[in-house]
PDB file of N, CA and C in Angstrom:
ATOM      1  N   MET A   1     -62.367 -87.214 -28.371  1.00  0.00           N
ATOM      2  CA  MET A   1     -61.120 -87.932 -28.535  1.00  0.00           C
ATOM      3  C   MET A   1     -60.532 -88.204 -27.158  1.00  0.00           C
ATOM      4  N   ILE A   2     -60.214 -89.439 -26.902  1.00  0.00           N
ATOM      5  CA  ILE A   2     -59.625 -89.807 -25.622  1.00  0.00           C
ATOM      6  C   ILE A   2     -58.143 -90.087 -25.840  1.00  0.00           C
ATOM      7  N   GLU A   3     -57.318 -89.330 -25.162  1.00  0.00           N
ATOM      8  CA  GLU A   3     -55.875 -89.494 -25.258  1.00  0.00           C
ATOM      9  C   GLU A   3     -55.319 -89.403 -23.849  1.00  0.00           C
ATOM     10  N   ASN A   4     -54.653 -90.434 -23.418  1.00  0.00           N
ATOM     11  CA  ASN A   4     -54.104 -90.486 -22.062  1.00  0.00           C
ATOM     12  C   ASN A   4     -55.190 -90.274 -21.016  1.00  0.00           C
ATOM     13  N   GLY A   5     -56.381 -90.801 -21.249  1.00  0.00           N
ATOM     14  CA  GLY A   5     -57.459 -90.682 -20.291  1.00  0.00           C
ATOM     15  C   GLY A   5     -58.177 -89.341 -20.313  1.00  0.00           C
ATOM     16  N   PHE A   6     -57.887 -88.497 -21.294  1.00  0.00           N
ATOM     17  CA  PHE A   6     -58.500 -87.172 -21.381  1.00  0.00           C
ATOM     18  C   PHE A   6     -59.611 -87.203 -22.418  1.00  0.00           C
ATOM     19  N   ASN A   7     -60.813 -86.852 -21.997  1.00  0.00           N
ATOM     20  CA  ASN A   7     -61.961 -86.804 -22.898  1.00  0.00           C
ATOM     21  C   ASN A   7     -62.253 -85.341 -23.205  1.00  0.00           C
ATOM     22  N   GLU A   8     -61.864 -84.913 -24.386  1.00  0.00           N
ATOM     23  CA  GLU A   8     -61.977 -83.506 -24.774  1.00  0.00           C
ATOM     24  C   GLU A   8     -63.430 -83.044 -24.824  1.00  0.00           C
ATOM     25  N   GLN A   9     -64.320 -83.857 -25.348  1.00  0.00           N
ATOM     26  CA  GLN A   9     -65.731 -83.480 -25.438  1.00  0.00           C
ATOM     27  C   GLN A   9     -66.333 -83.298 -24.051  1.00  0.00           C
ATOM     28  N   LEU A  10     -66.015 -84.181 -23.125  1.00  0.00           N
ATOM     29  CA  LEU A  10     -66.507 -84.057 -21.752  1.00  0.00           C
ATOM     30  C   LEU A  10     -65.960 -82.796 -21.103  1.00  0.00           C
ATOM     31  N   PHE A  11     -64.686 -82.515 -21.335  1.00  0.00           N
ATOM     32  CA  PHE A  11     -64.054 -81.320 -20.774  1.00  0.00           C
ATOM     33  C   PHE A  11     -64.787 -80.054 -21.218  1.00  0.00           C
ATOM     34  N   TYR A  12     -65.038 -79.919 -22.526  1.00  0.00           N
ATOM     35  CA  TYR A  12     -65.702 -78.721 -23.031  1.00  0.00           C
ATOM     36  C   TYR A  12     -67.149 -78.638 -22.557  1.00  0.00           C
ATOM     37  N   SER A  13     -67.794 -79.762 -22.408  1.00  0.00           N
ATOM     38  CA  SER A  13     -69.157 -79.770 -21.886  1.00  0.00           C
ATOM     39  C   SER A  13     -69.182 -79.270 -20.445  1.00  0.00           C
ATOM     40  N   LEU A  14     -68.276 -79.773 -19.619  1.00  0.00           N
ATOM     41  CA  LEU A  14     -68.201 -79.335 -18.227  1.00  0.00           C
ATOM     42  C   LEU A  14     -67.796 -77.872 -18.123  1.00  0.00           C
ATOM     43  N   LEU A  15     -66.867 -77.443 -18.962  1.00  0.00           N
ATOM     44  CA  LEU A  15     -66.440 -76.045 -18.973  1.00  0.00           C
ATOM     45  C   LEU A  15     -67.614 -75.136 -19.344  1.00  0.00           C
ATOM     46  N   GLY A  16     -68.415 -75.534 -20.316  1.00  0.00           N
ATOM     47  CA  GLY A  16     -69.594 -74.768 -20.688  1.00  0.00           C
ATOM     48  C   GLY A  16     -70.589 -74.675 -19.552  1.00  0.00           C
ATOM     49  N   ASN A  17     -70.800 -75.775 -18.832  1.00  0.00           N
ATOM     50  CA  ASN A  17     -71.724 -75.765 -17.693  1.00  0.00           C
ATOM     51  C   ASN A  17     -71.252 -74.832 -16.587  1.00  0.00           C
ATOM     52  N   VAL A  18     -69.975 -74.880 -16.282  1.00  0.00           N
ATOM     53  CA  VAL A  18     -69.419 -74.008 -15.244  1.00  0.00           C
ATOM     54  C   VAL A  18     -69.531 -72.544 -15.671  1.00  0.00           C
ATOM     55  N   THR A  19     -69.250 -72.264 -16.935  1.00  0.00           N
ATOM     56  CA  THR A  19     -69.337 -70.895 -17.445  1.00  0.00           C
ATOM     57  C   THR A  19     -70.766 -70.370 -17.358  1.00  0.00           C
ATOM     58  N   ARG A  20     -71.737 -71.172 -17.773  1.00  0.00           N
ATOM     59  CA  ARG A  20     -73.141 -70.741 -17.706  1.00  0.00           C
ATOM     60  C   ARG A  20     -73.597 -70.546 -16.263  1.00  0.00           C
ATOM     61  N   THR A  21     -73.132 -71.388 -15.363  1.00  0.00           N
ATOM     62  CA  THR A  21     -73.530 -71.303 -13.964  1.00  0.00           C
ATOM     63  C   THR A  21     -72.956 -70.061 -13.282  1.00  0.00           C
ATOM     64  N   HIS A  22     -71.737 -69.689 -13.630  1.00  0.00           N
ATOM     65  CA  HIS A  22     -71.033 -68.609 -12.924  1.00  0.00           C
ATOM     66  C   HIS A  22     -70.742 -67.401 -13.811  1.00  0.00           C
ATOM     67  N   TYR A  23     -71.541 -67.212 -14.884  1.00  0.00           N
ATOM     68  CA  TYR A  23     -71.251 -66.123 -15.811  1.00  0.00           C
ATOM     69  C   TYR A  23     -71.258 -64.757 -15.131  1.00  0.00           C
ATOM     70  N   SER A  24     -72.105 -64.558 -14.131  1.00  0.00           N
ATOM     71  CA  SER A  24     -72.176 -63.232 -13.496  1.00  0.00           C
ATOM     72  C   SER A  24     -70.903 -62.907 -12.733  1.00  0.00           C
ATOM     73  N   ARG A  25     -70.179 -63.917 -12.322  1.00  0.00           N
ATOM     74  CA  ARG A  25     -68.887 -63.677 -11.650  1.00  0.00           C
ATOM     75  C   ARG A  25     -67.775 -63.470 -12.669  1.00  0.00           C
ATOM     76  N   ILE A  26     -67.958 -64.044 -13.853  1.00  0.00           N
ATOM     77  CA  ILE A  26     -66.936 -63.962 -14.897  1.00  0.00           C
ATOM     78  C   ILE A  26     -67.068 -62.666 -15.683  1.00  0.00           C
ATOM     79  N   LEU A  27     -68.308 -62.282 -16.002  1.00  0.00           N
ATOM     80  CA  LEU A  27     -68.577 -61.124 -16.841  1.00  0.00           C
ATOM     81  C   LEU A  27     -68.969 -59.936 -15.974  1.00  0.00           C
ATOM     82  N   SER A  28     -68.042 -59.015 -15.779  1.00  0.00           N
ATOM     83  CA  SER A  28     -68.323 -57.822 -14.974  1.00  0.00           C
ATOM     84  C   SER A  28     -68.967 -56.753 -15.851  1.00  0.00           C
ATOM     85  N   ARG A  29     -69.463 -55.697 -15.226  1.00  0.00           N
ATOM     86  CA  ARG A  29     -70.052 -54.585 -15.991  1.00  0.00           C
ATOM     87  C   ARG A  29     -69.021 -53.928 -16.883  1.00  0.00           C
ATOM     88  N   ASP A  30     -67.783 -53.832 -16.400  1.00  0.00           N
ATOM     89  CA  ASP A  30     -66.723 -53.227 -17.212  1.00  0.00           C
ATOM     90  C   ASP A  30     -66.471 -54.045 -18.471  1.00  0.00           C
ATOM     91  N   ILE A  31     -66.446 -55.357 -18.332  1.00  0.00           N
ATOM     92  CA  ILE A  31     -66.230 -56.219 -19.493  1.00  0.00           C
ATOM     93  C   ILE A  31     -67.427 -56.155 -20.426  1.00  0.00           C
ATOM     94  N   ALA A  32     -68.650 -56.109 -19.881  1.00  0.00           N
ATOM     95  CA  ALA A  32     -69.852 -55.989 -20.716  1.00  0.00           C
ATOM     96  C   ALA A  32     -69.800 -54.690 -21.522  1.00  0.00           C
ATOM     97  N   LYS A  33     -69.373 -53.593 -20.890  1.00  0.00           N
ATOM     98  CA  LYS A  33     -69.259 -52.309 -21.595  1.00  0.00           C
ATOM     99  C   LYS A  33     -68.197 -52.399 -22.681  1.00  0.00           C
ATOM    100  N   LEU A  34     -67.069 -53.006 -22.376  1.00  0.00           N
ATOM    101  CA  LEU A  34     -65.997 -53.162 -23.352  1.00  0.00           C
ATOM    102  C   LEU A  34     -66.470 -53.988 -24.548  1.00  0.00           C
ATOM    103  N   LEU A  35     -67.184 -55.070 -24.296  1.00  0.00           N
ATOM    104  CA  LEU A  35     -67.721 -55.892 -25.386  1.00  0.00           C
ATOM    105  C   LEU A  35     -68.695 -55.093 -26.248  1.00  0.00           C
ATOM    106  N   CYS A  36     -69.575 -54.337 -25.602  1.00  0.00           N
ATOM    107  CA  CYS A  36     -70.537 -53.511 -26.348  1.00  0.00           C
ATOM    108  C   CYS A  36     -69.826 -52.439 -27.165  1.00  0.00           C
ATOM    109  N   ASP A  37     -68.802 -51.817 -26.598  1.00  0.00           N
ATOM    110  CA  ASP A  37     -68.042 -50.799 -27.318  1.00  0.00           C
ATOM    111  C   ASP A  37     -67.347 -51.395 -28.539  1.00  0.00           C
ATOM    112  N   ASN A  38     -66.789 -52.586 -28.381  1.00  0.00           N
ATOM    113  CA  ASN A  38     -66.136 -53.255 -29.517  1.00  0.00           C
ATOM    114  C   ASN A  38     -67.149 -53.643 -30.584  1.00  0.00           C
ATOM    115  N   LEU A  39     -68.320 -54.118 -30.160  1.00  0.00           N
ATOM    116  CA  LEU A  39     -69.374 -54.442 -31.124  1.00  0.00           C
ATOM    117  C   LEU A  39     -69.835 -53.194 -31.859  1.00  0.00           C
ATOM    118  N   LYS A  40     -69.912 -52.075 -31.142  1.00  0.00           N
ATOM    119  CA  LYS A  40     -70.350 -50.822 -31.755  1.00  0.00           C
ATOM    120  C   LYS A  40     -69.382 -50.376 -32.848  1.00  0.00           C
ATOM    121  N   GLN A  41     -68.089 -50.610 -32.646  1.00  0.00           N
ATOM    122  CA  GLN A  41     -67.097 -50.247 -33.662  1.00  0.00           C
ATOM    123  C   GLN A  41     -67.236 -51.132 -34.900  1.00  0.00           C
ATOM    124  N   ARG A  42     -67.477 -52.414 -34.686  1.00  0.00           N
ATOM    125  CA  ARG A  42     -67.552 -53.345 -35.823  1.00  0.00           C
ATOM    126  C   ARG A  42     -68.931 -53.390 -36.463  1.00  0.00           C
ATOM    127  N   TYR A  43     -69.981 -53.290 -35.625  1.00  0.00           N
ATOM    128  CA  TYR A  43     -71.362 -53.393 -36.108  1.00  0.00           C
ATOM    129  C   TYR A  43     -72.211 -52.298 -35.477  1.00  0.00           C
ATOM    130  N   PRO A  44     -72.015 -51.061 -35.908  1.00  0.00           N
ATOM    131  CA  PRO A  44     -72.694 -49.939 -35.250  1.00  0.00           C
ATOM    132  C   PRO A  44     -74.221 -50.053 -35.249  1.00  0.00           C
ATOM    133  N   ALA A  45     -74.806 -50.583 -36.306  1.00  0.00           N
ATOM    134  CA  ALA A  45     -76.272 -50.679 -36.366  1.00  0.00           C
ATOM    135  C   ALA A  45     -76.813 -51.629 -35.310  1.00  0.00           C
ATOM    136  N   LEU A  46     -76.016 -52.582 -34.894  1.00  0.00           N
ATOM    137  CA  LEU A  46     -76.437 -53.542 -33.879  1.00  0.00           C
ATOM    138  C   LEU A  46     -76.579 -52.884 -32.509  1.00  0.00           C
ATOM    139  N   ILE A  47     -75.722 -51.933 -32.197  1.00  0.00           N
ATOM    140  CA  ILE A  47     -75.665 -51.344 -30.863  1.00  0.00           C
ATOM    141  C   ILE A  47     -76.350 -49.976 -30.778  1.00  0.00           C
ATOM    142  N   GLU A  48     -76.311 -49.192 -31.854  1.00  0.00           N
ATOM    143  CA  GLU A  48     -76.888 -47.844 -31.812  1.00  0.00           C
ATOM    144  C   GLU A  48     -78.340 -47.881 -31.369  1.00  0.00           C
ATOM    145  N   ASN A  49     -78.708 -46.935 -30.555  1.00  0.00           N
ATOM    146  CA  ASN A  49     -80.069 -46.793 -30.024  1.00  0.00           C
ATOM    147  C   ASN A  49     -80.527 -47.984 -29.192  1.00  0.00           C
ATOM    148  N   THR A  50     -79.607 -48.814 -28.784  1.00  0.00           N
ATOM    149  CA  THR A  50     -79.963 -49.953 -27.940  1.00  0.00           C
ATOM    150  C   THR A  50     -79.239 -49.883 -26.610  1.00  0.00           C
ATOM    151  N   VAL A  51     -77.905 -49.818 -26.646  1.00  0.00           N
ATOM    152  CA  VAL A  51     -77.099 -49.783 -25.428  1.00  0.00           C
ATOM    153  C   VAL A  51     -76.434 -48.429 -25.369  1.00  0.00           C
ATOM    154  N   PRO A  52     -76.439 -47.684 -24.324  1.00  0.00           N
ATOM    155  CA  PRO A  52     -77.157 -47.891 -23.073  1.00  0.00           C
ATOM    156  C   PRO A  52     -78.528 -47.226 -23.031  1.00  0.00           C
ATOM    157  N   GLU A  53     -79.017 -46.693 -24.163  1.00  0.00           N
ATOM    158  CA  GLU A  53     -80.297 -45.977 -24.142  1.00  0.00           C
ATOM    159  C   GLU A  53     -81.454 -46.880 -23.697  1.00  0.00           C
ATOM    160  N   ASN A  54     -81.559 -48.076 -24.263  1.00  0.00           N
ATOM    161  CA  ASN A  54     -82.687 -48.966 -23.958  1.00  0.00           C
ATOM    162  C   ASN A  54     -82.311 -50.126 -23.036  1.00  0.00           C
ATOM    163  N   ILE A  55     -81.073 -50.541 -23.099  1.00  0.00           N
ATOM    164  CA  ILE A  55     -80.592 -51.634 -22.242  1.00  0.00           C
ATOM    165  C   ILE A  55     -79.321 -51.145 -21.559  1.00  0.00           C
ATOM    166  N   SER A  56     -79.304 -51.190 -20.242  1.00  0.00           N
ATOM    167  CA  SER A  56     -78.104 -50.724 -19.518  1.00  0.00           C
ATOM    168  C   SER A  56     -76.998 -51.754 -19.648  1.00  0.00           C
ATOM    169  N   TYR A  57     -75.778 -51.334 -19.355  1.00  0.00           N
ATOM    170  CA  TYR A  57     -74.652 -52.258 -19.387  1.00  0.00           C
ATOM    171  C   TYR A  57     -74.838 -53.352 -18.336  1.00  0.00           C
ATOM    172  N   GLY A  58     -75.409 -52.989 -17.210  1.00  0.00           N
ATOM    173  CA  GLY A  58     -75.674 -53.989 -16.171  1.00  0.00           C
ATOM    174  C   GLY A  58     -76.666 -55.032 -16.627  1.00  0.00           C
ATOM    175  N   CYS A  59     -77.682 -54.605 -17.356  1.00  0.00           N
ATOM    176  CA  CYS A  59     -78.681 -55.539 -17.876  1.00  0.00           C
ATOM    177  C   CYS A  59     -78.063 -56.405 -18.959  1.00  0.00           C
ATOM    178  N   SER A  60     -77.217 -55.818 -19.822  1.00  0.00           N
ATOM    179  CA  SER A  60     -76.584 -56.608 -20.868  1.00  0.00           C
ATOM    180  C   SER A  60     -75.636 -57.639 -20.264  1.00  0.00           C
ATOM    181  N   GLN A  61     -75.127 -57.348 -19.075  1.00  0.00           N
ATOM    182  CA  GLN A  61     -74.271 -58.303 -18.377  1.00  0.00           C
ATOM    183  C   GLN A  61     -75.097 -59.504 -17.924  1.00  0.00           C
ATOM    184  N   MET A  62     -76.337 -59.255 -17.490  1.00  0.00           N
ATOM    185  CA  MET A  62     -77.164 -60.328 -16.957  1.00  0.00           C
ATOM    186  C   MET A  62     -77.876 -61.119 -18.048  1.00  0.00           C
ATOM    187  N   CYS A  63     -78.040 -60.547 -19.247  1.00  0.00           N
ATOM    188  CA  CYS A  63     -78.774 -61.226 -20.324  1.00  0.00           C
ATOM    189  C   CYS A  63     -77.989 -62.363 -20.930  1.00  0.00           C
TER     190      CYS A  63
END
């Protein structure tokens, strides 16, 4: 939708590209751990015996 010269689809596409390019600067190990901890509370079977036993928080940050 273009309104006042603003293309929303282009904006989200560019935002996605920037996020994918710089994700390692955006997603720190602390945030990766927090996300995993929250997932463990909501979906314990998804995280149990995986993080951090088989995949470290640092690796989950890079994946």
